[in-house]
Amino acid sequence: MNHFELFDIPTAYDLDLAELQQRYRKLQQALHPDRHAAGSERDKLLAVQRTAQLNDAYQTLRSPLARAEYLLSLRGVDMQHEQKTLQDPEFLMAQMEWRERVEELDATDFTAMDAAYTELAEQTAQLQAELERLIKADANGDAADTIRKLKFMHKLRSELEALEEM
């Protein structure tokens, strides 16, 4: 049973997150190990395993990036253990420019930091919209490339946050 089937929701990138959360809470209550405290050791172990599976499925589906990767894995595109790098020269150049920009940023320059966050958020939103379109079109290879780009953007955001904490 895949994550979408577990929650009895359509296998799609675009999800109603409120509905997902509601179904998660219902399943969490039904599967909680405390409900099986009087059962056999096997029943208790199964309850713990099902709860772990439920939590993993929920975490995967509520994250747009993880959900996209999971959807592609259901379509036979496994990105979990890949060593493939992005070959888009334009994006590679943009990566280098972002790296230089982050290196030059001063965390105390709130205007520059805010501008970097804003631009990063805009580019991330564009990539997420593109990813949704590609997944709907079953363009799995292009969707995988867009996921790689989004991973870079998420990593870059983490680097900006780390810079602020210094």
N, C-alpha and C. Protein backbone atom coordinates (compact mmCIF):
# COMPACT_ATOMS: atom_id res chain seq x y z
N MET A 1 0.85 -1.17 0.00
CA MET A 1 0.00 0.00 0.00
C MET A 1 0.90 1.24 0.00
N ASN A 2 0.66 2.14 -0.96
CA ASN A 2 1.47 3.35 -1.01
C ASN A 2 0.88 4.42 -0.08
N HIS A 3 1.60 5.51 0.06
CA HIS A 3 1.21 6.56 1.01
C HIS A 3 -0.17 7.15 0.68
N PHE A 4 -0.45 7.34 -0.59
CA PHE A 4 -1.73 7.91 -0.99
C PHE A 4 -2.87 6.96 -0.65
N GLU A 5 -2.65 5.68 -0.91
CA GLU A 5 -3.66 4.67 -0.58
C GLU A 5 -3.89 4.60 0.92
N LEU A 6 -2.82 4.72 1.68
CA LEU A 6 -2.94 4.68 3.14
C LEU A 6 -3.91 5.75 3.64
N PHE A 7 -3.85 6.93 3.05
CA PHE A 7 -4.72 8.02 3.45
C PHE A 7 -6.01 8.08 2.63
N ASP A 8 -6.15 7.18 1.67
CA ASP A 8 -7.33 7.12 0.80
C ASP A 8 -7.56 8.47 0.12
N ILE A 9 -6.48 8.96 -0.51
CA ILE A 9 -6.54 10.21 -1.26
C ILE A 9 -6.00 9.97 -2.66
N PRO A 10 -6.35 10.83 -3.61
CA PRO A 10 -5.85 10.64 -4.98
C PRO A 10 -4.32 10.74 -5.05
N THR A 11 -3.75 9.95 -5.93
CA THR A 11 -2.30 9.99 -6.17
C THR A 11 -2.02 11.20 -7.04
N ALA A 12 -1.70 12.32 -6.39
CA ALA A 12 -1.50 13.58 -7.11
C ALA A 12 -0.54 14.47 -6.34
N TYR A 13 0.10 15.38 -7.07
CA TYR A 13 1.01 16.33 -6.44
C TYR A 13 0.23 17.38 -5.66
N ASP A 14 -0.84 17.87 -6.25
CA ASP A 14 -1.64 18.92 -5.64
C ASP A 14 -2.60 18.28 -4.63
N LEU A 15 -2.32 18.48 -3.34
CA LEU A 15 -3.14 17.88 -2.29
C LEU A 15 -3.81 18.95 -1.44
N ASP A 16 -4.93 18.57 -0.85
CA ASP A 16 -5.58 19.39 0.16
C ASP A 16 -4.91 19.03 1.48
N LEU A 17 -4.01 19.89 1.94
CA LEU A 17 -3.23 19.59 3.14
C LEU A 17 -4.08 19.52 4.40
N ALA A 18 -5.16 20.29 4.44
CA ALA A 18 -6.06 20.23 5.60
C ALA A 18 -6.74 18.86 5.66
N GLU A 19 -7.15 18.35 4.51
CA GLU A 19 -7.77 17.02 4.46
C GLU A 19 -6.75 15.95 4.83
N LEU A 20 -5.53 16.09 4.34
CA LEU A 20 -4.48 15.14 4.68
C LEU A 20 -4.27 15.12 6.19
N GLN A 21 -4.20 16.27 6.81
CA GLN A 21 -3.99 16.34 8.25
C GLN A 21 -5.16 15.71 9.02
N GLN A 22 -6.36 15.96 8.55
CA GLN A 22 -7.55 15.39 9.19
C GLN A 22 -7.52 13.86 9.11
N ARG A 23 -7.20 13.33 7.96
CA ARG A 23 -7.13 11.87 7.79
C ARG A 23 -5.99 11.28 8.63
N TYR A 24 -4.89 12.01 8.71
CA TYR A 24 -3.75 11.58 9.53
C TYR A 24 -4.17 11.44 10.99
N ARG A 25 -4.85 12.44 11.50
CA ARG A 25 -5.26 12.40 12.91
C ARG A 25 -6.21 11.24 13.19
N LYS A 26 -7.14 10.99 12.27
CA LYS A 26 -8.07 9.86 12.45
C LYS A 26 -7.32 8.54 12.45
N LEU A 27 -6.42 8.37 11.50
CA LEU A 27 -5.64 7.13 11.43
C LEU A 27 -4.72 7.00 12.64
N GLN A 28 -4.17 8.11 13.06
CA GLN A 28 -3.26 8.10 14.21
C GLN A 28 -4.00 7.61 15.46
N GLN A 29 -5.22 8.07 15.63
CA GLN A 29 -6.02 7.62 16.78
C GLN A 29 -6.34 6.14 16.67
N ALA A 30 -6.71 5.70 15.48
CA ALA A 30 -7.09 4.30 15.29
C ALA A 30 -5.91 3.35 15.44
N LEU A 31 -4.73 3.79 15.01
CA LEU A 31 -3.57 2.90 15.01
C LEU A 31 -2.66 3.07 16.23
N HIS A 32 -2.95 4.02 17.08
CA HIS A 32 -2.04 4.32 18.20
C HIS A 32 -1.75 3.06 19.02
N PRO A 33 -0.48 2.82 19.34
CA PRO A 33 -0.09 1.62 20.10
C PRO A 33 -0.82 1.47 21.44
N ASP A 34 -1.21 2.56 22.07
CA ASP A 34 -1.92 2.47 23.35
C ASP A 34 -3.26 1.76 23.21
N ARG A 35 -3.84 1.81 22.03
CA ARG A 35 -5.12 1.13 21.79
C ARG A 35 -4.93 -0.39 21.75
N HIS A 36 -3.69 -0.82 21.64
CA HIS A 36 -3.38 -2.25 21.54
C HIS A 36 -2.58 -2.73 22.74
N ALA A 37 -2.63 -1.98 23.83
CA ALA A 37 -1.84 -2.31 25.02
C ALA A 37 -2.22 -3.66 25.61
N ALA A 38 -3.48 -4.03 25.48
CA ALA A 38 -3.94 -5.31 26.04
C ALA A 38 -3.71 -6.47 25.08
N GLY A 39 -3.25 -6.19 23.88
CA GLY A 39 -3.05 -7.24 22.88
C GLY A 39 -1.77 -8.01 23.09
N SER A 40 -1.54 -8.94 22.19
CA SER A 40 -0.33 -9.76 22.24
C SER A 40 0.89 -8.90 21.88
N GLU A 41 2.06 -9.44 22.12
CA GLU A 41 3.30 -8.73 21.76
C GLU A 41 3.34 -8.47 20.26
N ARG A 42 2.84 -9.44 19.50
CA ARG A 42 2.80 -9.29 18.03
C ARG A 42 1.90 -8.11 17.65
N ASP A 43 0.72 -8.03 18.29
CA ASP A 43 -0.21 -6.93 18.00
C ASP A 43 0.41 -5.58 18.37
N LYS A 44 1.11 -5.55 19.49
CA LYS A 44 1.76 -4.30 19.92
C LYS A 44 2.84 -3.89 18.92
N LEU A 45 3.63 -4.86 18.47
CA LEU A 45 4.68 -4.58 17.50
C LEU A 45 4.09 -4.08 16.18
N LEU A 46 3.02 -4.74 15.73
CA LEU A 46 2.36 -4.30 14.49
C LEU A 46 1.82 -2.88 14.63
N ALA A 47 1.27 -2.56 15.78
CA ALA A 47 0.73 -1.21 16.01
C ALA A 47 1.85 -0.18 15.94
N VAL A 48 2.99 -0.49 16.52
CA VAL A 48 4.13 0.43 16.48
C VAL A 48 4.62 0.59 15.04
N GLN A 49 4.69 -0.52 14.30
CA GLN A 49 5.14 -0.46 12.90
C GLN A 49 4.17 0.34 12.05
N ARG A 50 2.88 0.12 12.24
CA ARG A 50 1.88 0.86 11.46
C ARG A 50 1.92 2.35 11.79
N THR A 51 2.13 2.67 13.05
CA THR A 51 2.24 4.07 13.44
C THR A 51 3.46 4.72 12.79
N ALA A 52 4.57 4.00 12.77
CA ALA A 52 5.78 4.52 12.13
C ALA A 52 5.55 4.72 10.63
N GLN A 53 4.88 3.76 9.99
CA GLN A 53 4.57 3.89 8.56
C GLN A 53 3.66 5.09 8.33
N LEU A 54 2.66 5.26 9.18
CA LEU A 54 1.74 6.38 9.06
C LEU A 54 2.48 7.71 9.19
N ASN A 55 3.35 7.81 10.20
CA ASN A 55 4.11 9.05 10.40
C ASN A 55 5.02 9.35 9.22
N ASP A 56 5.68 8.32 8.70
CA ASP A 56 6.55 8.50 7.54
C ASP A 56 5.75 8.97 6.32
N ALA A 57 4.60 8.33 6.09
CA ALA A 57 3.76 8.70 4.96
C ALA A 57 3.27 10.14 5.09
N TYR A 58 2.87 10.52 6.28
CA TYR A 58 2.38 11.88 6.51
C TYR A 58 3.48 12.91 6.27
N GLN A 59 4.67 12.66 6.81
CA GLN A 59 5.78 13.59 6.62
C GLN A 59 6.13 13.72 5.14
N THR A 60 6.09 12.63 4.42
CA THR A 60 6.40 12.65 2.99
C THR A 60 5.37 13.46 2.22
N LEU A 61 4.09 13.20 2.47
CA LEU A 61 3.04 13.83 1.68
C LEU A 61 2.83 15.30 2.03
N ARG A 62 3.15 15.70 3.24
CA ARG A 62 2.92 17.11 3.58
C ARG A 62 4.02 18.03 3.07
N SER A 63 5.16 17.47 2.67
CA SER A 63 6.25 18.26 2.10
C SER A 63 6.16 18.22 0.58
N PRO A 64 5.99 19.36 -0.08
CA PRO A 64 5.87 19.36 -1.54
C PRO A 64 7.05 18.68 -2.24
N LEU A 65 8.25 18.91 -1.77
CA LEU A 65 9.44 18.33 -2.39
C LEU A 65 9.48 16.81 -2.19
N ALA A 66 9.25 16.37 -0.96
CA ALA A 66 9.25 14.93 -0.68
C ALA A 66 8.09 14.24 -1.40
N ARG A 67 6.94 14.91 -1.48
CA ARG A 67 5.78 14.35 -2.18
C ARG A 67 6.09 14.17 -3.66
N ALA A 68 6.74 15.15 -4.26
CA ALA A 68 7.10 15.06 -5.68
C ALA A 68 8.06 13.91 -5.92
N GLU A 69 9.07 13.79 -5.06
CA GLU A 69 10.02 12.68 -5.19
C GLU A 69 9.31 11.34 -5.05
N TYR A 70 8.40 11.26 -4.09
CA TYR A 70 7.66 10.02 -3.86
C TYR A 70 6.79 9.68 -5.07
N LEU A 71 6.11 10.69 -5.62
CA LEU A 71 5.29 10.47 -6.81
C LEU A 71 6.13 9.92 -7.96
N LEU A 72 7.30 10.51 -8.16
CA LEU A 72 8.17 10.02 -9.23
C LEU A 72 8.65 8.61 -8.93
N SER A 73 8.89 8.29 -7.66
CA SER A 73 9.31 6.92 -7.33
C SER A 73 8.21 5.92 -7.67
N LEU A 74 6.95 6.32 -7.49
CA LEU A 74 5.83 5.45 -7.87
C LEU A 74 5.78 5.25 -9.39
N ARG A 75 6.35 6.19 -10.12
CA ARG A 75 6.40 6.11 -11.58
C ARG A 75 7.70 5.48 -12.07
N GLY A 76 8.50 4.98 -11.14
CA GLY A 76 9.73 4.29 -11.52
C GLY A 76 10.97 5.15 -11.58
N VAL A 77 10.88 6.41 -11.15
CA VAL A 77 12.03 7.31 -11.14
C VAL A 77 12.50 7.45 -9.69
N ASP A 78 13.57 6.74 -9.34
CA ASP A 78 14.07 6.75 -7.97
C ASP A 78 15.17 7.80 -7.84
N MET A 79 14.89 8.83 -7.07
CA MET A 79 15.86 9.91 -6.89
C MET A 79 16.56 9.81 -5.53
N GLN A 80 16.16 8.86 -4.71
CA GLN A 80 16.70 8.76 -3.35
C GLN A 80 18.20 8.49 -3.32
N HIS A 81 18.67 7.61 -4.19
CA HIS A 81 20.07 7.19 -4.13
C HIS A 81 20.85 7.61 -5.37
N GLU A 82 20.33 8.56 -6.09
CA GLU A 82 20.99 8.94 -7.33
C GLU A 82 22.22 9.80 -7.09
N GLN A 83 23.12 9.72 -8.02
CA GLN A 83 24.33 10.54 -8.00
C GLN A 83 24.32 11.52 -9.16
N LYS A 84 23.21 11.58 -9.88
CA LYS A 84 23.11 12.42 -11.06
C LYS A 84 23.09 13.90 -10.67
N THR A 85 23.80 14.68 -11.45
CA THR A 85 23.79 16.13 -11.23
C THR A 85 23.03 16.80 -12.36
N LEU A 86 22.60 17.98 -12.10
CA LEU A 86 21.85 18.75 -13.07
C LEU A 86 22.75 19.21 -14.20
N GLN A 87 22.28 19.11 -15.43
CA GLN A 87 23.08 19.48 -16.59
C GLN A 87 22.60 20.77 -17.27
N ASP A 88 21.71 21.50 -16.63
CA ASP A 88 21.16 22.73 -17.19
C ASP A 88 22.18 23.87 -16.99
N PRO A 89 22.88 24.29 -18.07
CA PRO A 89 23.93 25.31 -17.93
C PRO A 89 23.42 26.63 -17.36
N GLU A 90 22.23 27.01 -17.73
CA GLU A 90 21.66 28.27 -17.24
C GLU A 90 21.45 28.21 -15.72
N PHE A 91 20.93 27.08 -15.25
CA PHE A 91 20.71 26.96 -13.81
C PHE A 91 22.03 26.81 -13.07
N LEU A 92 22.98 26.13 -13.68
CA LEU A 92 24.30 25.99 -13.05
C LEU A 92 24.95 27.36 -12.87
N MET A 93 24.78 28.23 -13.86
CA MET A 93 25.31 29.59 -13.76
C MET A 93 24.58 30.35 -12.64
N ALA A 94 23.28 30.17 -12.57
CA ALA A 94 22.51 30.82 -11.50
C ALA A 94 22.95 30.32 -10.13
N GLN A 95 23.28 29.03 -10.03
CA GLN A 95 23.78 28.48 -8.77
C GLN A 95 25.07 29.18 -8.36
N MET A 96 25.97 29.33 -9.31
CA MET A 96 27.24 30.00 -9.01
C MET A 96 27.01 31.43 -8.55
N GLU A 97 26.08 32.12 -9.22
CA GLU A 97 25.78 33.50 -8.84
C GLU A 97 25.19 33.56 -7.43
N TRP A 98 24.30 32.61 -7.13
CA TRP A 98 23.73 32.57 -5.78
C TRP A 98 24.81 32.31 -4.74
N ARG A 99 25.71 31.38 -5.04
CA ARG A 99 26.80 31.05 -4.10
C ARG A 99 27.65 32.30 -3.81
N GLU A 100 28.01 33.02 -4.87
CA GLU A 100 28.80 34.24 -4.70
C GLU A 100 28.03 35.26 -3.87
N ARG A 101 26.76 35.38 -4.16
CA ARG A 101 25.92 36.36 -3.44
C ARG A 101 25.85 36.02 -1.95
N VAL A 102 25.66 34.75 -1.64
CA VAL A 102 25.58 34.34 -0.24
C VAL A 102 26.90 34.57 0.47
N GLU A 103 28.00 34.27 -0.22
CA GLU A 103 29.33 34.49 0.38
C GLU A 103 29.57 35.96 0.71
N GLU A 104 29.02 36.84 -0.11
CA GLU A 104 29.24 38.28 0.07
C GLU A 104 28.23 38.92 1.03
N LEU A 105 27.17 38.19 1.37
CA LEU A 105 26.14 38.77 2.22
C LEU A 105 26.65 39.01 3.64
N ASP A 106 26.17 40.09 4.19
CA ASP A 106 26.44 40.42 5.59
C ASP A 106 25.11 40.26 6.33
N ALA A 107 25.07 39.35 7.30
CA ALA A 107 23.83 39.06 8.01
C ALA A 107 23.25 40.28 8.71
N THR A 108 24.07 41.27 8.98
CA THR A 108 23.57 42.48 9.64
C THR A 108 22.97 43.48 8.64
N ASP A 109 23.14 43.21 7.35
CA ASP A 109 22.54 44.06 6.32
C ASP A 109 21.14 43.50 6.04
N PHE A 110 20.17 43.96 6.83
CA PHE A 110 18.82 43.41 6.77
C PHE A 110 18.17 43.62 5.41
N THR A 111 18.47 44.71 4.75
CA THR A 111 17.89 44.98 3.43
C THR A 111 18.38 43.95 2.42
N ALA A 112 19.67 43.67 2.42
CA ALA A 112 20.23 42.68 1.49
C ALA A 112 19.73 41.28 1.82
N MET A 113 19.64 40.96 3.10
CA MET A 113 19.15 39.64 3.50
C MET A 113 17.69 39.47 3.08
N ASP A 114 16.89 40.51 3.32
CA ASP A 114 15.48 40.46 2.96
C ASP A 114 15.32 40.31 1.45
N ALA A 115 16.13 41.03 0.68
CA ALA A 115 16.07 40.93 -0.78
C ALA A 115 16.44 39.53 -1.24
N ALA A 116 17.44 38.93 -0.61
CA ALA A 116 17.85 37.57 -0.97
C ALA A 116 16.73 36.57 -0.67
N TYR A 117 16.12 36.69 0.51
CA TYR A 117 15.01 35.80 0.87
C TYR A 117 13.84 35.96 -0.09
N THR A 118 13.53 37.20 -0.44
CA THR A 118 12.40 37.47 -1.34
C THR A 118 12.65 36.86 -2.71
N GLU A 119 13.83 37.10 -3.25
CA GLU A 119 14.16 36.55 -4.57
C GLU A 119 14.17 35.02 -4.54
N LEU A 120 14.72 34.46 -3.49
CA LEU A 120 14.75 33.01 -3.35
C LEU A 120 13.34 32.44 -3.28
N ALA A 121 12.46 33.09 -2.52
CA ALA A 121 11.07 32.64 -2.40
C ALA A 121 10.35 32.71 -3.75
N GLU A 122 10.59 33.78 -4.50
CA GLU A 122 9.96 33.92 -5.82
C GLU A 122 10.42 32.83 -6.77
N GLN A 123 11.73 32.59 -6.81
CA GLN A 123 12.26 31.55 -7.70
C GLN A 123 11.77 30.17 -7.28
N THR A 124 11.69 29.94 -5.98
CA THR A 124 11.20 28.65 -5.48
C THR A 124 9.74 28.45 -5.88
N ALA A 125 8.93 29.49 -5.74
CA ALA A 125 7.51 29.40 -6.11
C ALA A 125 7.36 29.11 -7.60
N GLN A 126 8.19 29.73 -8.43
CA GLN A 126 8.14 29.47 -9.88
C GLN A 126 8.49 28.01 -10.17
N LEU A 127 9.51 27.51 -9.50
CA LEU A 127 9.92 26.12 -9.71
C LEU A 127 8.85 25.15 -9.22
N GLN A 128 8.19 25.47 -8.11
CA GLN A 128 7.13 24.59 -7.62
C GLN A 128 5.94 24.56 -8.58
N ALA A 129 5.60 25.70 -9.15
CA ALA A 129 4.52 25.75 -10.14
C ALA A 129 4.91 24.93 -11.38
N GLU A 130 6.16 25.07 -11.80
CA GLU A 130 6.65 24.30 -12.94
C GLU A 130 6.62 22.81 -12.63
N LEU A 131 7.01 22.45 -11.42
CA LEU A 131 7.02 21.04 -11.02
C LEU A 131 5.61 20.47 -11.06
N GLU A 132 4.65 21.21 -10.55
CA GLU A 132 3.26 20.74 -10.57
C GLU A 132 2.80 20.50 -12.01
N ARG A 133 3.12 21.44 -12.89
CA ARG A 133 2.73 21.30 -14.30
C ARG A 133 3.38 20.06 -14.93
N LEU A 134 4.66 19.87 -14.66
CA LEU A 134 5.40 18.73 -15.24
C LEU A 134 4.88 17.39 -14.71
N ILE A 135 4.55 17.34 -13.44
CA ILE A 135 4.02 16.10 -12.87
C ILE A 135 2.66 15.78 -13.48
N LYS A 136 1.81 16.79 -13.63
CA LYS A 136 0.50 16.57 -14.25
C LYS A 136 0.64 16.10 -15.69
N ALA A 137 1.70 16.57 -16.37
CA ALA A 137 1.93 16.20 -17.77
C ALA A 137 2.70 14.88 -17.90
N ASP A 138 3.00 14.23 -16.78
CA ASP A 138 3.80 12.99 -16.78
C ASP A 138 5.17 13.17 -17.43
N ALA A 139 5.71 14.37 -17.33
CA ALA A 139 7.06 14.65 -17.86
C ALA A 139 8.06 14.36 -16.74
N ASN A 140 8.25 13.07 -16.48
CA ASN A 140 9.01 12.64 -15.30
C ASN A 140 10.46 13.09 -15.30
N GLY A 141 11.13 13.04 -16.43
CA GLY A 141 12.53 13.45 -16.50
C GLY A 141 12.69 14.93 -16.19
N ASP A 142 11.84 15.75 -16.79
CA ASP A 142 11.89 17.19 -16.53
C ASP A 142 11.48 17.50 -15.10
N ALA A 143 10.51 16.73 -14.58
CA ALA A 143 10.10 16.92 -13.18
C ALA A 143 11.26 16.59 -12.24
N ALA A 144 12.00 15.53 -12.55
CA ALA A 144 13.16 15.16 -11.73
C ALA A 144 14.20 16.28 -11.74
N ASP A 145 14.44 16.88 -12.90
CA ASP A 145 15.38 18.00 -12.97
C ASP A 145 14.90 19.19 -12.13
N THR A 146 13.60 19.43 -12.16
CA THR A 146 13.04 20.53 -11.38
C THR A 146 13.16 20.24 -9.89
N ILE A 147 13.00 18.99 -9.51
CA ILE A 147 13.20 18.61 -8.10
C ILE A 147 14.64 18.88 -7.70
N ARG A 148 15.59 18.56 -8.56
CA ARG A 148 17.00 18.83 -8.27
C ARG A 148 17.23 20.33 -8.05
N LYS A 149 16.58 21.14 -8.87
CA LYS A 149 16.70 22.60 -8.72
C LYS A 149 16.09 23.05 -7.39
N LEU A 150 14.93 22.48 -7.05
CA LEU A 150 14.29 22.85 -5.80
C LEU A 150 15.12 22.43 -4.59
N LYS A 151 15.79 21.30 -4.70
CA LYS A 151 16.67 20.87 -3.61
C LYS A 151 17.78 21.90 -3.39
N PHE A 152 18.32 22.41 -4.48
CA PHE A 152 19.34 23.46 -4.35
C PHE A 152 18.75 24.68 -3.66
N MET A 153 17.55 25.08 -4.06
CA MET A 153 16.94 26.27 -3.48
C MET A 153 16.69 26.08 -1.98
N HIS A 154 16.27 24.88 -1.60
CA HIS A 154 16.03 24.60 -0.17
C HIS A 154 17.35 24.63 0.61
N LYS A 155 18.38 24.08 0.00
CA LYS A 155 19.70 24.09 0.65
C LYS A 155 20.19 25.53 0.79
N LEU A 156 19.98 26.32 -0.23
CA LEU A 156 20.39 27.72 -0.20
C LEU A 156 19.65 28.48 0.90
N ARG A 157 18.37 28.19 1.04
CA ARG A 157 17.59 28.84 2.12
C ARG A 157 18.18 28.47 3.48
N SER A 158 18.53 27.21 3.65
CA SER A 158 19.15 26.78 4.92
C SER A 158 20.46 27.52 5.16
N GLU A 159 21.22 27.74 4.10
CA GLU A 159 22.48 28.46 4.23
C GLU A 159 22.24 29.92 4.63
N LEU A 160 21.20 30.53 4.06
CA LEU A 160 20.85 31.91 4.45
C LEU A 160 20.45 31.97 5.92
N GLU A 161 19.66 30.98 6.34
CA GLU A 161 19.24 30.94 7.74
C GLU A 161 20.44 30.75 8.67
N ALA A 162 21.38 29.90 8.26
CA ALA A 162 22.58 29.68 9.07
C ALA A 162 23.42 30.96 9.15
N LEU A 163 23.46 31.69 8.05
CA LEU A 163 24.21 32.95 8.02
C LEU A 163 23.61 33.95 9.01
N GLU A 164 22.29 33.96 9.09
CA GLU A 164 21.60 34.87 10.01
C GLU A 164 21.91 34.53 11.47
N GLU A 165 22.11 33.26 11.75
CA GLU A 165 22.34 32.81 13.12
C GLU A 165 23.76 33.06 13.59
N MET A 166 24.65 33.41 12.68
CA MET A 166 26.05 33.65 13.05
C MET A 166 26.20 34.95 13.81
